[in-house]
Each structure stands twice: as C-alpha cells, then as structure tokens.
N, C-alpha and C. Protein backbone atom coordinates (compact mmCIF):
# COMPACT_ATOMS: atom_id res chain seq x y z
N MET A 1 48.87 -16.32 -39.59
CA MET A 1 48.61 -17.37 -38.92
C MET A 1 49.39 -18.36 -39.27
N SER A 2 50.22 -19.09 -38.67
CA SER A 2 51.55 -20.03 -39.01
C SER A 2 51.38 -21.33 -39.56
N ASP A 3 51.37 -22.07 -40.48
CA ASP A 3 51.32 -23.17 -41.01
C ASP A 3 51.07 -24.12 -39.92
N SER A 4 51.81 -24.06 -38.86
CA SER A 4 51.98 -24.95 -37.78
C SER A 4 50.25 -25.38 -36.75
N ALA A 5 49.59 -24.20 -37.63
CA ALA A 5 48.84 -24.11 -36.25
C ALA A 5 46.99 -24.99 -37.14
N PRO A 6 47.36 -24.66 -38.33
CA PRO A 6 46.32 -25.80 -38.74
C PRO A 6 46.75 -27.06 -38.83
N SER A 7 47.59 -27.60 -38.84
CA SER A 7 48.52 -28.67 -39.68
C SER A 7 48.26 -29.21 -37.82
N ALA A 8 48.55 -28.35 -36.26
CA ALA A 8 47.89 -29.03 -35.45
C ALA A 8 46.77 -29.19 -35.06
N ALA A 9 45.89 -28.74 -35.57
CA ALA A 9 44.41 -28.84 -35.57
C ALA A 9 44.07 -29.94 -36.10
N ALA A 10 44.79 -30.11 -37.41
CA ALA A 10 44.40 -31.18 -38.30
C ALA A 10 44.49 -33.06 -37.54
N ALA A 11 45.80 -32.62 -37.15
CA ALA A 11 46.28 -33.42 -36.52
C ALA A 11 45.33 -33.89 -35.29
N ARG A 12 45.24 -33.37 -34.38
CA ARG A 12 44.31 -33.21 -33.58
C ARG A 12 42.76 -34.00 -33.75
N SER A 13 42.34 -33.67 -34.87
CA SER A 13 41.09 -33.56 -35.16
C SER A 13 41.46 -35.34 -35.85
N GLN A 14 42.46 -35.97 -35.77
CA GLN A 14 42.72 -37.56 -36.60
C GLN A 14 42.46 -37.90 -35.59
N GLN A 15 43.11 -37.44 -34.60
CA GLN A 15 43.50 -38.78 -33.22
C GLN A 15 41.72 -38.63 -32.63
N GLU A 16 41.54 -37.76 -32.61
CA GLU A 16 39.98 -37.70 -31.98
C GLU A 16 39.04 -38.66 -32.62
N ALA A 17 39.25 -38.52 -34.06
CA ALA A 17 38.19 -39.17 -35.11
C ALA A 17 38.43 -41.32 -34.56
N GLU A 18 39.66 -41.04 -34.58
CA GLU A 18 40.69 -42.44 -34.27
C GLU A 18 40.06 -42.70 -33.14
N ILE A 19 39.86 -42.37 -32.14
CA ILE A 19 39.40 -42.65 -30.74
C ILE A 19 37.91 -42.86 -30.91
N VAL A 20 37.16 -42.28 -31.32
CA VAL A 20 35.70 -42.41 -31.60
C VAL A 20 35.81 -44.11 -32.47
N ALA A 21 36.18 -44.28 -33.29
CA ALA A 21 36.42 -45.50 -34.13
C ALA A 21 36.66 -46.35 -33.41
N ALA A 22 37.66 -46.29 -32.49
CA ALA A 22 38.15 -47.11 -31.73
C ALA A 22 36.92 -48.01 -30.20
N LEU A 23 36.91 -46.65 -29.97
CA LEU A 23 35.39 -47.01 -28.84
C LEU A 23 34.42 -47.80 -29.67
N GLY A 24 33.76 -47.60 -30.56
CA GLY A 24 32.47 -48.63 -31.18
C GLY A 24 31.83 -47.80 -30.39
N GLU A 25 31.29 -48.84 -30.09
CA GLU A 25 29.92 -48.63 -28.57
C GLU A 25 30.32 -48.14 -27.51
N ARG A 26 31.42 -48.52 -26.92
CA ARG A 26 31.85 -48.38 -25.71
C ARG A 26 32.03 -47.02 -25.12
N PRO A 27 31.09 -47.03 -23.89
CA PRO A 27 31.55 -45.63 -23.58
C PRO A 27 32.56 -44.96 -22.82
N VAL A 28 33.16 -43.93 -22.48
CA VAL A 28 34.41 -43.84 -21.54
C VAL A 28 33.52 -43.48 -19.88
N VAL A 29 33.97 -44.27 -19.14
CA VAL A 29 33.11 -43.94 -17.52
C VAL A 29 34.30 -43.01 -16.85
N LEU A 30 34.11 -42.04 -16.63
CA LEU A 30 34.64 -41.76 -15.78
C LEU A 30 34.66 -41.64 -13.99
N ILE A 31 35.69 -41.91 -13.07
CA ILE A 31 35.63 -42.56 -11.99
C ILE A 31 36.60 -41.55 -11.36
N GLY A 32 36.03 -41.64 -10.15
CA GLY A 32 37.08 -40.53 -8.95
C GLY A 32 36.33 -39.97 -7.90
N MET A 33 36.93 -39.41 -7.01
CA MET A 33 36.11 -39.04 -5.51
C MET A 33 35.72 -37.54 -6.27
N MET A 34 34.65 -37.53 -5.21
CA MET A 34 33.93 -35.98 -5.48
C MET A 34 34.96 -34.88 -5.65
N GLY A 35 34.78 -33.91 -6.27
CA GLY A 35 35.48 -32.78 -6.60
C GLY A 35 36.70 -33.19 -7.45
N ALA A 36 36.75 -34.25 -7.95
CA ALA A 36 37.79 -34.55 -8.89
C ALA A 36 37.83 -34.03 -10.23
N GLY A 37 36.41 -33.36 -10.32
CA GLY A 37 36.35 -33.21 -11.90
C GLY A 37 36.03 -33.61 -13.36
N LYS A 38 35.08 -34.98 -12.58
CA LYS A 38 34.36 -35.92 -13.55
C LYS A 38 33.77 -35.15 -14.36
N SER A 39 32.90 -34.27 -13.71
CA SER A 39 31.26 -33.78 -14.59
C SER A 39 32.52 -32.82 -15.73
N THR A 40 33.15 -31.59 -15.19
CA THR A 40 33.58 -30.41 -15.74
C THR A 40 34.29 -30.90 -16.77
N VAL A 41 35.31 -32.04 -16.74
CA VAL A 41 36.25 -32.35 -17.76
C VAL A 41 35.42 -33.23 -18.56
N GLY A 42 34.52 -34.18 -18.13
CA GLY A 42 33.64 -34.99 -19.56
C GLY A 42 33.07 -34.21 -20.41
N ARG A 43 32.44 -33.10 -19.51
CA ARG A 43 31.96 -32.38 -20.66
C ARG A 43 32.26 -32.10 -21.48
N ARG A 44 33.88 -31.22 -21.52
CA ARG A 44 34.50 -30.87 -22.43
C ARG A 44 34.88 -31.70 -22.96
N LEU A 45 35.45 -33.34 -22.37
CA LEU A 45 36.06 -34.39 -23.03
C LEU A 45 34.97 -34.89 -24.64
N ALA A 46 33.41 -35.02 -23.79
CA ALA A 46 32.39 -35.02 -24.60
C ALA A 46 32.64 -34.02 -25.68
N LEU A 47 32.71 -33.35 -25.57
CA LEU A 47 32.83 -32.00 -26.34
C LEU A 47 34.06 -32.20 -27.54
N ARG A 48 34.79 -32.23 -27.34
CA ARG A 48 36.01 -32.48 -27.88
C ARG A 48 36.00 -33.91 -29.25
N LEU A 49 35.53 -34.66 -28.55
CA LEU A 49 35.31 -35.54 -29.18
C LEU A 49 33.94 -36.30 -30.24
N GLY A 50 32.98 -34.85 -29.75
CA GLY A 50 32.02 -34.99 -30.18
C GLY A 50 30.75 -36.23 -30.06
N LEU A 51 30.81 -36.85 -28.74
CA LEU A 51 29.95 -37.63 -27.62
C LEU A 51 29.18 -37.22 -26.70
N PRO A 52 28.14 -37.67 -27.04
CA PRO A 52 26.96 -37.16 -25.32
C PRO A 52 28.06 -37.40 -24.49
N PHE A 53 27.38 -36.62 -23.23
CA PHE A 53 27.79 -36.62 -22.40
C PHE A 53 26.76 -36.26 -20.82
N LEU A 54 26.59 -37.53 -20.18
CA LEU A 54 25.77 -38.01 -19.26
C LEU A 54 26.48 -38.01 -17.84
N ASP A 55 26.03 -37.18 -16.95
CA ASP A 55 26.00 -37.87 -15.49
C ASP A 55 25.26 -38.91 -14.66
N ALA A 56 25.90 -39.80 -13.94
CA ALA A 56 25.05 -40.24 -13.38
C ALA A 56 24.51 -39.99 -12.38
N ASP A 57 25.15 -38.98 -11.27
CA ASP A 57 24.09 -38.41 -10.69
C ASP A 57 22.72 -37.53 -10.70
N THR A 58 22.92 -36.71 -11.92
CA THR A 58 21.98 -36.29 -12.68
C THR A 58 20.69 -37.36 -12.77
N GLU A 59 21.12 -38.43 -13.51
CA GLU A 59 20.28 -39.65 -13.69
C GLU A 59 19.51 -40.36 -12.96
N ILE A 60 20.32 -40.13 -11.60
CA ILE A 60 19.71 -40.52 -10.09
C ILE A 60 18.31 -39.75 -9.78
N GLU A 61 19.31 -38.36 -9.66
CA GLU A 61 18.11 -37.59 -9.25
C GLU A 61 16.66 -37.81 -10.12
N GLN A 62 17.01 -37.64 -11.60
CA GLN A 62 15.71 -37.59 -12.72
C GLN A 62 15.02 -38.78 -12.31
N ALA A 63 15.79 -39.99 -12.28
CA ALA A 63 14.64 -41.07 -11.35
C ALA A 63 13.97 -40.98 -10.58
N ALA A 64 14.86 -40.63 -9.60
CA ALA A 64 13.98 -40.43 -7.76
C ALA A 64 13.32 -38.93 -7.74
N ALA A 65 13.43 -38.59 -8.56
CA ALA A 65 12.36 -37.45 -8.32
C ALA A 65 12.82 -36.45 -7.39
N MET A 66 14.53 -36.94 -6.65
CA MET A 66 14.61 -36.22 -5.48
C MET A 66 16.58 -35.88 -5.97
N THR A 67 16.80 -35.33 -4.85
CA THR A 67 18.07 -35.17 -4.77
C THR A 67 18.93 -35.34 -4.04
N ILE A 68 20.14 -36.17 -4.54
CA ILE A 68 20.65 -37.00 -3.80
C ILE A 68 20.84 -36.75 -2.60
N PRO A 69 21.12 -35.99 -2.07
CA PRO A 69 20.96 -35.87 -0.31
C PRO A 69 20.00 -36.23 0.13
N GLU A 70 18.68 -35.68 -0.67
CA GLU A 70 17.33 -35.90 -0.11
C GLU A 70 17.39 -37.39 0.22
N ILE A 71 17.81 -38.43 -1.09
CA ILE A 71 18.08 -39.67 -1.53
C ILE A 71 18.43 -40.27 -0.04
N PHE A 72 19.91 -39.65 0.29
CA PHE A 72 20.70 -40.26 1.30
C PHE A 72 19.83 -39.75 2.67
N GLU A 73 19.04 -39.04 2.88
CA GLU A 73 18.63 -38.59 4.20
C GLU A 73 16.95 -39.41 4.31
N THR A 74 16.59 -39.38 3.27
CA THR A 74 15.21 -40.26 3.29
C THR A 74 15.25 -41.85 3.16
N HIS A 75 16.09 -42.79 2.47
CA HIS A 75 16.32 -43.90 2.68
C HIS A 75 17.87 -44.26 3.12
N GLY A 76 18.46 -43.64 3.08
CA GLY A 76 19.75 -44.09 3.24
C GLY A 76 21.08 -44.42 1.94
N GLU A 77 21.88 -44.42 2.79
CA GLU A 77 23.19 -44.66 1.36
C GLU A 77 23.15 -46.03 0.63
N PRO A 78 22.38 -46.98 1.49
CA PRO A 78 22.49 -48.65 0.78
C PRO A 78 21.40 -48.56 0.02
N HIS A 79 20.30 -48.05 0.27
CA HIS A 79 19.18 -47.52 -1.23
C HIS A 79 19.84 -46.66 -2.65
N PHE A 80 20.38 -45.98 -2.06
CA PHE A 80 21.39 -44.61 -3.33
C PHE A 80 21.66 -45.74 -3.97
N ARG A 81 22.72 -46.68 -3.56
CA ARG A 81 23.78 -47.36 -3.97
C ARG A 81 23.18 -48.76 -5.04
N ASP A 82 22.20 -48.87 -4.48
CA ASP A 82 21.38 -49.72 -5.46
C ASP A 82 21.11 -49.15 -6.17
N GLY A 83 20.19 -47.89 -6.36
CA GLY A 83 19.64 -46.91 -7.43
C GLY A 83 20.69 -46.56 -8.31
N GLU A 84 22.05 -46.34 -7.80
CA GLU A 84 22.88 -45.88 -8.67
C GLU A 84 23.38 -46.94 -9.56
N ALA A 85 23.60 -48.06 -8.93
CA ALA A 85 23.92 -49.58 -10.12
C ALA A 85 23.19 -49.70 -10.77
N ARG A 86 21.68 -49.66 -10.71
CA ARG A 86 21.19 -49.51 -11.93
C ARG A 86 21.24 -48.97 -12.60
N VAL A 87 21.05 -47.25 -12.62
CA VAL A 87 20.88 -46.55 -13.39
C VAL A 87 22.21 -46.34 -14.18
N ILE A 88 23.41 -46.97 -13.71
CA ILE A 88 24.81 -46.96 -14.34
C ILE A 88 24.59 -48.12 -15.50
N ALA A 89 23.88 -49.44 -15.31
CA ALA A 89 23.67 -50.22 -15.80
C ALA A 89 22.84 -49.75 -16.86
N ARG A 90 22.18 -49.09 -16.80
CA ARG A 90 21.28 -48.79 -18.22
C ARG A 90 21.86 -48.06 -19.08
N LEU A 91 22.47 -47.10 -18.41
CA LEU A 91 23.52 -45.60 -19.04
C LEU A 91 24.77 -46.49 -19.63
N LEU A 92 25.20 -47.58 -18.91
CA LEU A 92 26.55 -47.92 -20.16
C LEU A 92 25.92 -48.41 -21.56
N ASP A 93 24.34 -48.83 -21.94
CA ASP A 93 24.09 -49.42 -23.37
C ASP A 93 23.95 -48.45 -23.70
N GLY A 94 23.59 -48.37 -24.98
CA GLY A 94 23.26 -47.11 -26.06
C GLY A 94 24.05 -46.30 -26.46
N GLY A 95 25.71 -47.25 -26.75
CA GLY A 95 26.66 -46.09 -27.98
C GLY A 95 27.31 -45.99 -27.09
N ALA A 96 28.68 -45.15 -27.54
CA ALA A 96 29.56 -44.49 -27.13
C ALA A 96 28.86 -43.05 -26.16
N LYS A 97 29.46 -42.69 -25.34
CA LYS A 97 29.64 -41.61 -24.66
C LYS A 97 30.60 -41.52 -23.86
N ILE A 98 30.09 -40.41 -22.79
CA ILE A 98 31.42 -39.95 -21.59
C ILE A 98 30.46 -40.12 -20.46
N LEU A 99 30.46 -40.91 -19.61
CA LEU A 99 30.05 -40.91 -18.32
C LEU A 99 30.53 -40.60 -17.15
N ALA A 100 30.00 -39.89 -16.67
CA ALA A 100 30.69 -39.32 -15.11
C ALA A 100 29.52 -40.17 -14.14
N THR A 101 30.63 -40.58 -13.25
CA THR A 101 29.94 -41.81 -12.04
C THR A 101 30.28 -40.64 -11.12
N GLY A 102 29.56 -41.56 -9.63
CA GLY A 102 30.00 -40.87 -8.71
C GLY A 102 31.12 -41.58 -7.74
N GLY A 103 31.58 -40.91 -6.80
CA GLY A 103 32.46 -41.14 -5.96
C GLY A 103 32.50 -42.67 -5.40
N GLY A 104 31.50 -43.22 -5.04
CA GLY A 104 31.10 -44.82 -4.83
C GLY A 104 30.81 -45.46 -5.68
N ALA A 105 30.55 -45.00 -6.47
CA ALA A 105 29.65 -46.13 -7.40
C ALA A 105 31.16 -47.20 -7.72
N PHE A 106 32.03 -46.82 -8.46
CA PHE A 106 33.30 -47.95 -8.85
C PHE A 106 33.68 -48.99 -7.56
N MET A 107 33.38 -48.55 -6.43
CA MET A 107 33.25 -49.54 -5.32
C MET A 107 32.10 -50.83 -5.09
N ARG A 108 31.53 -50.82 -5.70
CA ARG A 108 30.77 -51.78 -6.09
C ARG A 108 31.08 -52.82 -7.29
N GLU A 109 31.51 -54.39 -6.69
CA GLU A 109 31.62 -55.35 -7.55
C GLU A 109 30.84 -55.49 -9.01
N GLU A 110 29.46 -55.25 -8.81
CA GLU A 110 28.99 -55.41 -9.98
C GLU A 110 29.13 -54.31 -11.04
N THR A 111 29.29 -53.53 -10.21
CA THR A 111 29.48 -51.71 -11.47
C THR A 111 30.73 -51.79 -11.59
N ARG A 112 31.94 -52.59 -11.08
CA ARG A 112 33.06 -52.53 -11.52
C ARG A 112 33.08 -53.71 -12.93
N ALA A 113 32.29 -55.11 -12.87
CA ALA A 113 32.17 -55.96 -13.96
C ALA A 113 31.38 -55.20 -14.82
N ARG A 114 30.64 -54.95 -15.18
CA ARG A 114 29.52 -53.95 -15.34
C ARG A 114 30.35 -53.20 -16.67
N ILE A 115 31.18 -52.33 -16.07
CA ILE A 115 32.28 -51.18 -16.82
C ILE A 115 33.37 -51.73 -17.43
N ARG A 116 33.79 -52.85 -16.82
CA ARG A 116 34.83 -53.69 -17.34
C ARG A 116 34.40 -54.31 -18.47
N ASP A 117 33.56 -54.79 -18.82
CA ASP A 117 32.84 -55.65 -19.66
C ASP A 117 32.58 -54.49 -21.14
N LYS A 118 31.48 -53.51 -20.85
CA LYS A 118 31.70 -52.94 -21.81
C LYS A 118 32.05 -51.39 -21.97
N ALA A 119 32.93 -51.08 -21.15
CA ALA A 119 33.41 -49.27 -21.27
C ALA A 119 34.92 -49.26 -21.01
N ILE A 120 35.24 -48.38 -21.43
CA ILE A 120 36.52 -47.68 -21.20
C ILE A 120 36.64 -46.96 -19.82
N SER A 121 37.26 -47.09 -18.70
CA SER A 121 37.37 -46.53 -17.12
C SER A 121 38.49 -45.71 -17.41
N MET A 122 38.11 -44.89 -16.41
CA MET A 122 39.07 -43.84 -16.93
C MET A 122 39.15 -42.62 -15.39
N TRP A 123 40.05 -43.07 -14.33
CA TRP A 123 40.25 -42.25 -12.90
C TRP A 123 40.95 -41.58 -13.27
N LEU A 124 40.00 -39.83 -12.56
CA LEU A 124 40.64 -38.65 -12.52
C LEU A 124 40.79 -38.76 -10.97
N GLU A 125 42.77 -38.74 -10.20
CA GLU A 125 43.26 -38.99 -9.55
C GLU A 125 43.40 -37.53 -9.08
N ALA A 126 42.73 -36.86 -7.69
CA ALA A 126 43.50 -36.02 -7.31
C ALA A 126 43.77 -36.06 -5.59
N GLU A 127 44.67 -35.32 -5.12
CA GLU A 127 45.23 -35.13 -4.06
C GLU A 127 43.63 -35.06 -3.22
N ALA A 128 44.10 -35.24 -1.89
CA ALA A 128 43.34 -35.04 -0.89
C ALA A 128 43.00 -33.46 -0.92
N ASP A 129 43.98 -32.40 -0.74
CA ASP A 129 43.96 -31.26 -0.61
C ASP A 129 43.14 -30.29 -1.78
N VAL A 130 43.22 -31.17 -2.92
CA VAL A 130 42.53 -30.32 -3.95
C VAL A 130 41.08 -30.80 -3.91
N ILE A 131 40.95 -32.32 -3.77
CA ILE A 131 39.52 -32.42 -3.27
C ILE A 131 38.83 -31.82 -1.98
N LEU A 132 39.57 -31.37 -1.20
CA LEU A 132 39.01 -30.53 0.13
C LEU A 132 38.88 -28.90 -0.70
N ARG A 133 39.72 -28.60 -1.19
CA ARG A 133 39.31 -26.99 -1.21
C ARG A 133 38.29 -26.87 -2.46
N ARG A 134 38.17 -27.88 -3.31
CA ARG A 134 37.18 -28.06 -4.16
C ARG A 134 35.61 -27.83 -3.83
N VAL A 135 35.54 -28.96 -2.76
CA VAL A 135 34.33 -29.28 -2.32
C VAL A 135 33.56 -28.72 -1.03
N LYS A 136 34.66 -27.99 0.18
CA LYS A 136 34.30 -27.34 0.96
C LYS A 136 32.99 -26.59 1.46
N ARG A 137 32.82 -26.15 0.43
CA ARG A 137 31.76 -24.83 0.26
C ARG A 137 30.57 -25.11 -0.73
N ARG A 138 30.47 -26.54 -0.97
CA ARG A 138 29.28 -27.45 -1.05
C ARG A 138 28.43 -27.80 -0.24
N ALA A 139 27.48 -28.02 -0.14
CA ALA A 139 26.74 -27.86 0.63
C ALA A 139 25.79 -29.36 0.19
N ASP A 140 26.09 -29.69 -0.94
CA ASP A 140 25.04 -31.53 -1.68
C ASP A 140 26.02 -32.40 -1.34
N ARG A 141 27.06 -32.40 -0.54
CA ARG A 141 28.04 -33.93 -0.66
C ARG A 141 27.56 -34.65 0.86
N PRO A 142 26.67 -35.50 0.43
CA PRO A 142 26.36 -36.24 2.38
C PRO A 142 27.07 -36.75 2.65
N LEU A 143 28.42 -36.99 2.19
CA LEU A 143 29.40 -37.90 2.97
C LEU A 143 30.20 -37.05 3.81
N LEU A 144 30.33 -35.92 3.01
CA LEU A 144 31.22 -34.60 3.84
C LEU A 144 30.30 -33.96 4.85
N GLN A 145 29.02 -34.37 5.38
CA GLN A 145 28.71 -33.71 6.34
C GLN A 145 28.69 -34.12 7.50
N THR A 146 29.97 -33.87 7.70
CA THR A 146 30.49 -34.08 9.41
C THR A 146 31.30 -33.37 9.96
N ALA A 147 32.09 -33.15 11.20
CA ALA A 147 32.57 -32.53 11.41
C ALA A 147 34.12 -32.56 11.64
N ASP A 148 34.37 -33.51 10.88
CA ASP A 148 35.86 -33.54 10.18
C ASP A 148 35.86 -33.59 8.75
N PRO A 149 35.45 -33.03 7.55
CA PRO A 149 35.39 -33.06 6.60
C PRO A 149 36.84 -33.40 6.03
N ALA A 150 38.26 -32.88 6.49
CA ALA A 150 39.50 -33.31 5.79
C ALA A 150 39.47 -35.06 6.46
N GLY A 151 38.79 -34.99 7.84
CA GLY A 151 39.51 -36.48 8.10
C GLY A 151 38.48 -37.94 6.95
N THR A 152 37.01 -36.83 7.12
CA THR A 152 36.64 -37.97 5.72
C THR A 152 36.97 -38.22 4.76
N ILE A 153 37.76 -37.24 4.06
CA ILE A 153 38.26 -37.55 2.59
C ILE A 153 39.69 -38.24 2.94
N ALA A 154 40.35 -38.05 3.95
CA ALA A 154 41.29 -38.67 4.08
C ALA A 154 40.83 -40.85 4.32
N ARG A 155 39.52 -40.79 4.83
CA ARG A 155 39.09 -41.74 4.81
C ARG A 155 38.90 -42.54 3.87
N LEU A 156 38.27 -41.96 3.08
CA LEU A 156 37.20 -42.20 1.59
C LEU A 156 38.78 -42.44 0.82
N ILE A 157 39.55 -41.45 0.66
CA ILE A 157 40.54 -42.16 -0.09
C ILE A 157 41.56 -43.31 -0.01
N GLY A 158 41.76 -43.56 1.66
CA GLY A 158 42.49 -44.56 1.86
C GLY A 158 41.35 -46.10 1.63
N GLU A 159 40.02 -46.12 1.32
CA GLU A 159 39.49 -47.19 1.24
C GLU A 159 39.16 -47.10 -0.57
N ARG A 160 38.88 -45.59 -1.26
CA ARG A 160 38.71 -45.93 -2.42
C ARG A 160 39.97 -46.00 -3.49
N TYR A 161 41.15 -45.75 -3.33
CA TYR A 161 41.82 -45.54 -4.46
C TYR A 161 42.28 -46.43 -4.27
N PRO A 162 42.79 -47.65 -3.49
CA PRO A 162 43.39 -49.36 -3.80
C PRO A 162 42.49 -49.89 -4.87
N VAL A 163 40.95 -49.52 -4.93
CA VAL A 163 40.19 -49.83 -5.84
C VAL A 163 39.97 -49.28 -7.39
N TYR A 164 40.27 -48.06 -6.84
CA TYR A 164 40.51 -47.16 -8.11
C TYR A 164 41.34 -47.46 -9.17
N ARG A 165 42.88 -48.07 -8.50
CA ARG A 165 43.68 -48.20 -9.19
C ARG A 165 43.66 -49.25 -10.54
N GLY A 166 42.14 -49.62 -10.23
CA GLY A 166 41.95 -51.41 -10.69
C GLY A 166 41.45 -50.46 -12.54
N ALA A 167 41.05 -48.79 -12.74
CA ALA A 167 40.87 -48.49 -14.10
C ALA A 167 41.74 -48.45 -14.97
N ASP A 168 41.41 -48.33 -16.38
CA ASP A 168 42.08 -48.73 -17.70
C ASP A 168 42.99 -47.62 -17.68
N LEU A 169 42.69 -46.85 -17.10
CA LEU A 169 43.35 -45.20 -17.60
C LEU A 169 43.53 -44.32 -16.13
N THR A 170 44.66 -43.93 -16.15
CA THR A 170 44.65 -42.69 -14.56
C THR A 170 45.18 -41.44 -15.22
N ILE A 171 44.26 -40.45 -15.14
CA ILE A 171 44.97 -38.89 -15.36
C ILE A 171 45.27 -37.94 -14.18
N ALA A 172 45.83 -37.43 -13.42
CA ALA A 172 45.94 -36.31 -12.52
C ALA A 172 45.13 -35.36 -12.89
N SER A 173 44.44 -35.19 -11.90
CA SER A 173 43.24 -34.09 -12.03
C SER A 173 44.31 -33.10 -10.86
N ARG A 174 44.42 -31.84 -11.03
CA ARG A 174 45.14 -30.95 -10.39
C ARG A 174 44.64 -29.38 -10.93
N ASP A 175 45.37 -28.70 -10.06
CA ASP A 175 44.45 -27.11 -10.61
C ASP A 175 45.79 -26.83 -11.73
N VAL A 176 45.21 -27.12 -13.04
CA VAL A 176 45.73 -26.56 -14.12
C VAL A 176 44.58 -26.22 -15.07
N PRO A 177 44.46 -25.41 -15.99
CA PRO A 177 43.29 -25.19 -17.01
C PRO A 177 42.99 -26.73 -17.22
N HIS A 178 41.42 -26.52 -17.21
CA HIS A 178 40.54 -28.02 -17.87
C HIS A 178 40.97 -28.27 -19.12
N GLU A 179 41.35 -27.78 -19.90
CA GLU A 179 41.78 -28.18 -21.83
C GLU A 179 42.94 -28.82 -21.48
N LYS A 180 43.88 -28.96 -20.12
CA LYS A 180 45.03 -29.07 -20.16
C LYS A 180 45.06 -30.82 -20.25
N ILE A 181 43.73 -30.82 -18.98
CA ILE A 181 43.30 -32.38 -18.31
C ILE A 181 43.03 -33.40 -19.72
N VAL A 182 41.92 -32.38 -20.71
CA VAL A 182 41.39 -32.87 -21.39
C VAL A 182 42.68 -33.14 -22.56
N ASP A 183 43.45 -32.23 -22.85
CA ASP A 183 44.45 -32.96 -23.87
C ASP A 183 44.76 -34.16 -23.39
N GLU A 184 45.09 -34.46 -22.25
CA GLU A 184 45.82 -35.39 -21.10
C GLU A 184 44.57 -36.34 -21.29
N CYS A 185 43.38 -36.47 -21.57
CA CYS A 185 42.48 -37.84 -21.40
C CYS A 185 42.39 -38.02 -22.90
N VAL A 186 42.55 -37.39 -23.94
CA VAL A 186 42.50 -37.34 -25.53
C VAL A 186 43.62 -38.39 -25.57
N ALA A 187 45.12 -38.00 -25.25
CA ALA A 187 46.28 -38.44 -25.25
C ALA A 187 46.04 -40.03 -24.57
N ALA A 188 45.61 -40.11 -23.63
CA ALA A 188 45.97 -41.33 -23.32
C ALA A 188 44.68 -42.26 -23.84
N LEU A 189 43.58 -41.46 -23.97
CA LEU A 189 42.30 -42.56 -24.79
C LEU A 189 43.20 -42.87 -26.20
N HIS A 190 43.73 -42.18 -26.72
CA HIS A 190 44.44 -42.79 -28.20
C HIS A 190 45.49 -43.72 -27.83
N ASP A 191 46.47 -43.37 -27.29
CA ASP A 191 47.63 -44.00 -26.45
C ASP A 191 46.69 -46.05 -26.37
N TYR A 192 45.95 -45.70 -25.71
CA TYR A 192 44.82 -47.20 -25.01
C TYR A 192 44.69 -47.53 -26.37
N LEU A 193 43.73 -46.98 -27.18
CA LEU A 193 43.02 -47.47 -28.02
C LEU A 193 43.76 -47.52 -29.47
N CYS A 194 44.78 -47.20 -29.85
CA CYS A 194 44.77 -47.00 -31.07
C CYS A 194 46.24 -47.53 -31.53
N SER A 195 47.44 -47.21 -30.26
CA SER A 195 48.53 -47.07 -30.48
C SER A 195 48.96 -49.17 -31.22
N ALA A 196 49.51 -48.78 -31.64
CA ALA A 196 49.91 -50.25 -32.22
C ALA A 196 51.05 -50.80 -31.36
N PRO A 197 50.63 -52.13 -30.54
CA PRO A 197 51.40 -52.98 -30.05
C PRO A 197 52.89 -52.92 -30.09
N ALA A 198 54.31 -52.95 -29.49
CA ALA A 198 55.17 -53.17 -30.22
C ALA A 198 55.69 -54.43 -30.47
N PRO A 199 56.27 -54.56 -31.39
CA PRO A 199 56.26 -56.21 -32.10
C PRO A 199 57.59 -56.87 -30.92
N THR A 200 57.14 -58.06 -30.56
CA THR A 200 57.48 -59.04 -29.83
C THR A 200 58.73 -59.63 -30.66
N LEU A 201 59.65 -59.94 -29.66
CA LEU A 201 61.12 -60.51 -30.15
C LEU A 201 61.26 -61.07 -31.46
N SER A 202 59.70 -62.56 -31.00
CA SER A 202 59.54 -63.34 -32.48
C SER A 202 59.25 -63.19 -33.56
N GLU A 203 58.24 -61.68 -33.73
CA GLU A 203 58.18 -60.70 -34.88
C GLU A 203 59.13 -59.98 -35.26
N THR A 204 59.89 -59.84 -34.67
CA THR A 204 61.43 -59.04 -35.23
C THR A 204 61.88 -59.52 -36.36
N PRO A 205 62.07 -59.17 -37.49
CA PRO A 205 62.84 -59.66 -38.67
C PRO A 205 64.81 -59.79 -38.00
C-alpha cells in the first residue's frame, strides 16, 4: 500500500472531525424530492460523520402508528403536513444528527424557519427523469398515485425547486455511486462550516 492512502484517509478523518466540531448541536437536514436519495445518502453521511441518522417519514409513521399512505387516505394531506411539522420540530432538538425529510416538508414556512434557525439545510437536487426512474416502481408515494406520474413530478418540481433553492447547500443527486455523493456532501459541509473567509481589502496588508 502506498503512503498516499493512509495520508488521504487521515486527511478525510480530520475533515470530518472538523465538520462535527463546527456543527455543535446543529443537525444537517436533507431536503429534496422523493427519490432524490435523502435516506440512502443520509445514512451513509451519518456513518461517515459518526452522527445519528433519523428519517422524518419513519418517525411520523411511528408516532401515528400508520403508514404515510394510510395517513393520506384516512386523514388527508393537510393533517399529514401538520403532523410532519410537529415531528420535524421535535427532531431538530437533541443535538447534531443527519435528518432526512419528506419532499413537502421544506415547503412549510414555519418548518423552513425552524431549520434555518437550528440546522444546516442541504438540498439533494435531482432531475425529473432521475426521480421518475427511481420512484415509478414504488407504491408508497401518495402524491404519485395519479394517471400521469411524470406530469405530477414536473408540477412538483415547478412548485418546490424555487423554494428548495433557499437551502444552505445544494448537491446534485444523480446516477453515480452513493459514496461519490457522500464525498461531495462532506466537502460542501467542510467548505461551508470550516473554511476561513477570504480577507477583505481593508484586512490585507
């Protein structure tokens, strides 16, 4: 094994330690459309940083003792969104973690405000064809139970992406190995949290 491999691993470990120190008690909140990879990437990112991983949708289902499709069918989307906001507000407390949220969560102003105040937000941005390819075989996506899933995705992208652009960080979610996306998440977090700002003209000698 070359000397470069251990040194690269040590540098990466140092980078990750610096991110965790800079986060303090703040979670990293992953936002984006269904199928963007929030849960998959989130679990791997949490493992890389040595932080807990939580999925807001899973927490909602546990709190309601119902699946999300059942909540939609029984109580409707407004009821689900109210519960989602309460669960996310609770999950934002309790220290640093990686938190994956549902696609509509960031659309609620009070949730955006809480995330802005208490966390670092990261948008996993995926193209429509990537999303459709990933979710078309899933039966647990209530908003896609329509005659035209592609049209629904296009409509949701039009509604949501302008709001998602308010996230602190944006990572392109695409069909590459998950570890590459995680590497990009780590690099973006380190740049955002740990890189010293460039000196202003008044500060230069």
